[in-house]
Amino acid sequence: MHQIKTLIVKFSTELAKHEVPLFRGAVIAASGGSQLFHNHEGDNYRYAYPLIQYKRIHKNPAIFCVGLGVESIGELFSNGNFQFQIGERTVDMEIVSIKAYKTNVQLWQNEFKYYLENWLPLNSENYKKYAQLETMAEKIALLEQILKGNILSFLKTMDIFIEDELMCHITDISSSHIEHYKQLKLMSFNLKFSSNISLPYLMGLGKNASLGFGVVKEQRDIS
């Protein structure tokens, strides 16, 4: 059994969806540029699951921390200055809630039901494969394979290695649409899936998980 710590820090004021990258930049500046806050090692991108993620929860900016990211958030708190520059506006933010969780991340005999919000699974190579598939069943099979890979990437970063098979079944695709990010057009999915692994609440999966994409919720949390 592997118990993973997560921390969700929610701030006051409202944040537009397109301002999440600006919020990320403001937090990085306030933290002094610590590695886990920007997911880089020196001048190079850190190709591992992001341990600090920036999200928009009920229109409020929030920081999600997992594993070593929980310990690193202290660097932001020690600064004590939450006057953030969001684009052209200066915003004095207050912490409205800090919630800590512990999740036993492991495989189980039963499956958990999840909702995955604004998931970006397809890079340019996978998008070509997806577009060429003729049936919805084939497309779902490809998405399930990618989803499984996203989860395994998270497990690897957490130093969790499983011996039995990880199961992922997409049960419903609620919607799909195009997201614009850095002059790229990316296909985003809202979907329901079941898996035999327990996952932390509000963790991100897939491309741009550090910017609030691919948010995992239990289906019972969805109204």
Protein backbone atom coordinates (compact mmCIF):
# COMPACT_ATOMS: atom_id res chain seq x y z
CA MET A 1 0.00 0.00 0.00
CA HIS A 2 1.29 3.48 -0.92
CA GLN A 3 -0.17 6.44 0.93
CA ILE A 4 0.14 9.65 -1.07
CA LYS A 5 -0.24 13.08 0.49
CA THR A 6 -1.95 15.87 -1.42
CA LEU A 7 -2.70 19.46 -0.52
CA ILE A 8 -5.15 21.86 -2.18
CA VAL A 9 -4.68 25.58 -1.50
CA LYS A 10 -7.56 27.74 -2.69
CA PHE A 11 -7.32 31.52 -2.99
CA SER A 12 -9.82 34.36 -2.97
CA THR A 13 -10.80 36.45 -6.03
CA GLU A 14 -11.97 35.09 -9.36
CA LEU A 15 -9.76 33.85 -12.15
CA ALA A 16 -10.71 33.51 -15.81
CA LYS A 17 -9.84 30.21 -17.49
CA HIS A 18 -7.27 31.83 -19.77
CA GLU A 19 -5.56 33.40 -16.74
CA VAL A 20 -4.43 30.08 -15.22
CA PRO A 21 -0.99 30.24 -16.95
CA LEU A 22 -0.62 33.83 -15.67
CA PHE A 23 -1.49 32.66 -12.16
CA ARG A 24 1.14 29.94 -12.50
CA GLY A 25 3.75 32.52 -13.50
CA ALA A 26 2.84 34.75 -10.56
CA VAL A 27 3.16 31.88 -8.08
CA ILE A 28 6.52 30.82 -9.56
CA ALA A 29 7.79 34.38 -9.11
CA ALA A 30 6.50 34.54 -5.53
CA SER A 31 8.09 31.18 -4.66
CA GLY A 32 11.54 32.29 -5.75
CA GLY A 33 11.60 30.00 -8.76
CA SER A 34 11.82 26.65 -6.98
CA GLN A 35 12.15 23.73 -9.42
CA LEU A 36 8.89 21.94 -8.63
CA PHE A 37 6.85 25.13 -9.08
CA HIS A 38 7.81 25.44 -12.75
CA ASN A 39 8.65 21.78 -13.53
CA HIS A 40 12.06 22.56 -15.04
CA GLU A 41 15.58 21.40 -14.22
CA GLY A 42 17.89 24.27 -15.06
CA ASP A 43 17.03 25.36 -18.60
CA ASN A 44 15.49 22.00 -19.47
CA TYR A 45 11.92 20.82 -19.06
CA ARG A 46 11.43 18.21 -16.33
CA TYR A 47 9.83 15.27 -18.14
CA ALA A 48 7.99 13.83 -15.18
CA TYR A 49 4.58 14.11 -13.62
CA PRO A 50 4.09 17.69 -12.25
CA LEU A 51 4.03 17.68 -8.45
CA ILE A 52 2.62 21.22 -8.26
CA GLN A 53 -0.39 22.03 -10.44
CA TYR A 54 -2.35 25.22 -11.00
CA LYS A 55 -6.11 24.99 -11.26
CA ARG A 56 -9.35 26.95 -11.32
CA ILE A 57 -11.83 25.56 -8.80
CA HIS A 58 -15.29 27.16 -8.84
CA LYS A 59 -13.70 30.17 -10.60
CA ASN A 60 -11.10 30.55 -7.84
CA PRO A 61 -7.35 30.02 -8.36
CA ALA A 62 -5.95 26.99 -6.58
CA ILE A 63 -2.70 25.09 -6.21
CA PHE A 64 -2.69 21.29 -6.09
CA CYS A 65 0.37 19.67 -4.52
CA VAL A 66 1.24 15.98 -4.42
CA GLY A 67 4.17 14.07 -2.91
CA LEU A 68 7.27 16.28 -2.66
CA GLY A 69 5.15 19.17 -3.91
CA VAL A 70 3.37 19.24 -0.54
CA GLU A 71 6.69 19.91 1.19
CA SER A 72 7.76 22.53 -1.37
CA ILE A 73 4.62 24.66 -0.93
CA GLY A 74 6.18 25.91 2.30
CA GLU A 75 8.54 28.02 0.17
CA LEU A 76 5.53 30.00 -1.03
CA PHE A 77 4.01 30.30 2.43
CA SER A 78 7.29 31.50 3.95
CA ASN A 79 7.27 34.44 1.55
CA GLY A 80 3.88 35.52 2.90
CA ASN A 81 3.27 37.88 -0.01
CA PHE A 82 0.22 36.94 -2.05
CA GLN A 83 0.11 40.07 -4.16
CA PHE A 84 0.20 38.47 -7.57
CA GLN A 85 0.64 40.07 -10.97
CA ILE A 86 -1.99 38.44 -13.19
CA GLY A 87 -1.34 39.83 -16.64
CA GLU A 88 -1.81 43.59 -16.40
CA ARG A 89 -3.64 43.56 -13.07
CA THR A 90 -2.21 43.35 -9.58
CA VAL A 91 -4.31 41.14 -7.31
CA ASP A 92 -4.12 40.84 -3.53
CA MET A 93 -5.15 37.26 -2.86
CA GLU A 94 -6.02 35.61 0.41
CA ILE A 95 -5.98 31.91 1.18
CA VAL A 96 -9.57 30.84 1.72
CA SER A 97 -8.95 27.15 2.35
CA ILE A 98 -6.18 24.60 2.75
CA LYS A 99 -7.26 20.98 2.53
CA ALA A 100 -4.95 18.04 3.09
CA TYR A 101 -5.72 14.52 1.90
CA LYS A 102 -4.12 11.10 2.10
CA THR A 103 -4.89 8.55 -0.59
CA ASN A 104 -3.96 4.89 -0.56
CA VAL A 105 -2.85 4.54 -4.17
CA GLN A 106 -3.00 0.87 -5.08
CA LEU A 107 -4.82 -1.69 -7.18
CA TRP A 108 -8.07 -3.11 -5.84
CA GLN A 109 -10.37 -5.96 -6.81
CA ASN A 110 -13.23 -3.53 -7.40
CA GLU A 111 -13.22 -0.57 -9.79
CA PHE A 112 -13.64 3.11 -8.91
CA LYS A 113 -15.77 5.43 -11.01
CA TYR A 114 -14.15 8.71 -12.05
CA TYR A 115 -14.93 11.81 -14.06
CA LEU A 116 -12.11 13.29 -16.14
CA GLU A 117 -12.47 16.97 -17.03
CA ASN A 118 -10.74 18.82 -19.89
CA TRP A 119 -8.38 15.93 -20.63
CA LEU A 120 -5.84 16.49 -23.43
CA PRO A 121 -4.71 13.00 -24.46
CA LEU A 122 -3.67 13.51 -28.07
CA ASN A 123 -0.30 14.75 -29.26
CA SER A 124 0.16 15.26 -33.01
CA GLU A 125 1.09 11.60 -33.58
CA ASN A 126 -1.81 10.20 -31.56
CA TYR A 127 -4.24 12.65 -33.15
CA LYS A 128 -3.41 11.25 -36.60
CA LYS A 129 -4.05 7.73 -35.30
CA TYR A 130 -7.32 8.84 -33.66
CA ALA A 131 -8.56 10.61 -36.80
CA GLN A 132 -7.85 7.59 -39.01
CA LEU A 133 -9.84 5.16 -36.85
CA GLU A 134 -13.25 4.40 -38.32
CA THR A 135 -15.32 3.20 -35.37
CA MET A 136 -15.99 4.76 -31.98
CA ALA A 137 -14.99 1.50 -30.32
CA GLU A 138 -11.51 1.77 -31.88
CA LYS A 139 -11.21 5.40 -30.78
CA ILE A 140 -12.21 4.57 -27.22
CA ALA A 141 -9.68 1.72 -27.15
CA LEU A 142 -6.92 4.16 -28.16
CA LEU A 143 -8.03 6.69 -25.52
CA GLU A 144 -8.08 3.96 -22.87
CA GLN A 145 -4.52 3.01 -23.81
CA ILE A 146 -3.39 6.65 -23.49
CA LEU A 147 -5.25 7.09 -20.19
CA LYS A 148 -3.55 4.01 -18.79
CA GLY A 149 -0.19 5.47 -19.85
CA ASN A 150 -1.00 8.78 -18.11
CA ILE A 151 -1.75 6.95 -14.86
CA LEU A 152 1.40 4.82 -15.13
CA SER A 153 3.44 8.00 -15.64
CA PHE A 154 2.01 9.35 -12.38
CA LEU A 155 2.79 6.09 -10.58
CA LYS A 156 6.38 6.10 -11.87
CA THR A 157 7.00 9.60 -10.53
CA MET A 158 5.55 8.52 -7.18
CA ASP A 159 7.89 5.46 -7.16
CA ILE A 160 4.87 3.16 -7.17
CA PHE A 161 5.29 -0.04 -9.16
CA ILE A 162 2.36 -2.39 -9.65
CA GLU A 163 2.61 -6.06 -10.46
CA ASP A 164 -0.96 -6.75 -11.58
CA GLU A 165 -2.70 -5.26 -14.60
CA LEU A 166 -4.00 -1.71 -14.43
CA MET A 167 -7.53 -1.58 -15.84
CA CYS A 168 -9.09 1.52 -17.44
CA HIS A 169 -12.53 1.53 -19.05
CA ILE A 170 -14.05 4.66 -20.57
CA THR A 171 -17.78 4.36 -19.94
CA ASP A 172 -19.04 7.63 -21.42
CA ILE A 173 -17.64 10.57 -23.36
CA SER A 174 -19.75 13.52 -22.26
CA SER A 175 -18.24 15.99 -24.70
CA SER A 176 -15.19 16.87 -26.75
CA HIS A 177 -14.04 20.24 -28.02
CA ILE A 178 -10.99 22.11 -29.27
CA GLU A 179 -8.76 23.93 -26.77
CA HIS A 180 -6.42 26.66 -27.96
CA TYR A 181 -3.05 26.69 -26.21
CA LYS A 182 0.11 28.46 -27.41
CA GLN A 183 -1.19 28.66 -31.00
CA LEU A 184 -1.97 24.94 -30.91
CA LYS A 185 -5.35 23.34 -31.33
CA LEU A 186 -5.79 20.42 -28.94
CA MET A 187 -8.77 18.11 -28.59
CA SER A 188 -10.17 18.13 -25.06
CA PHE A 189 -12.45 15.46 -23.60
CA ASN A 190 -14.87 15.34 -20.68
CA LEU A 191 -15.54 11.70 -19.90
CA LYS A 192 -16.34 9.06 -17.32
CA PHE A 193 -14.08 6.09 -16.71
CA SER A 194 -13.63 3.27 -14.23
CA SER A 195 -10.36 1.84 -12.99
CA ASN A 196 -9.13 -0.62 -10.42
CA ILE A 197 -6.73 1.95 -8.97
CA SER A 198 -7.50 4.56 -6.31
CA LEU A 199 -6.40 8.05 -7.41
CA PRO A 200 -6.04 11.34 -5.48
CA TYR A 201 -8.92 13.80 -5.71
CA LEU A 202 -8.37 16.67 -8.20
CA MET A 203 -5.06 15.35 -9.53
CA GLY A 204 -4.32 16.09 -13.17
CA LEU A 205 -3.70 13.61 -15.98
CA GLY A 206 -2.43 14.05 -19.51
CA LYS A 207 -0.97 17.01 -21.37
CA ASN A 208 -0.86 20.33 -19.47
CA ALA A 209 -1.91 18.70 -16.19
CA SER A 210 0.09 21.44 -14.46
CA LEU A 211 -2.30 24.03 -15.91
CA GLY A 212 -5.56 22.51 -14.74
CA PHE A 213 -6.29 20.10 -17.58
CA GLY A 214 -7.30 16.48 -17.06
CA VAL A 215 -8.75 16.92 -13.58
CA VAL A 216 -9.80 13.68 -11.89
CA LYS A 217 -12.93 13.62 -9.73
CA GLU A 218 -14.99 10.79 -8.37
CA GLN A 219 -18.32 10.55 -10.15
CA ARG A 220 -20.15 11.11 -6.88
CA ASP A 221 -18.55 14.57 -6.75
CA ILE A 222 -20.29 15.59 -9.99
CA SER A 223 -23.66 17.26 -9.67
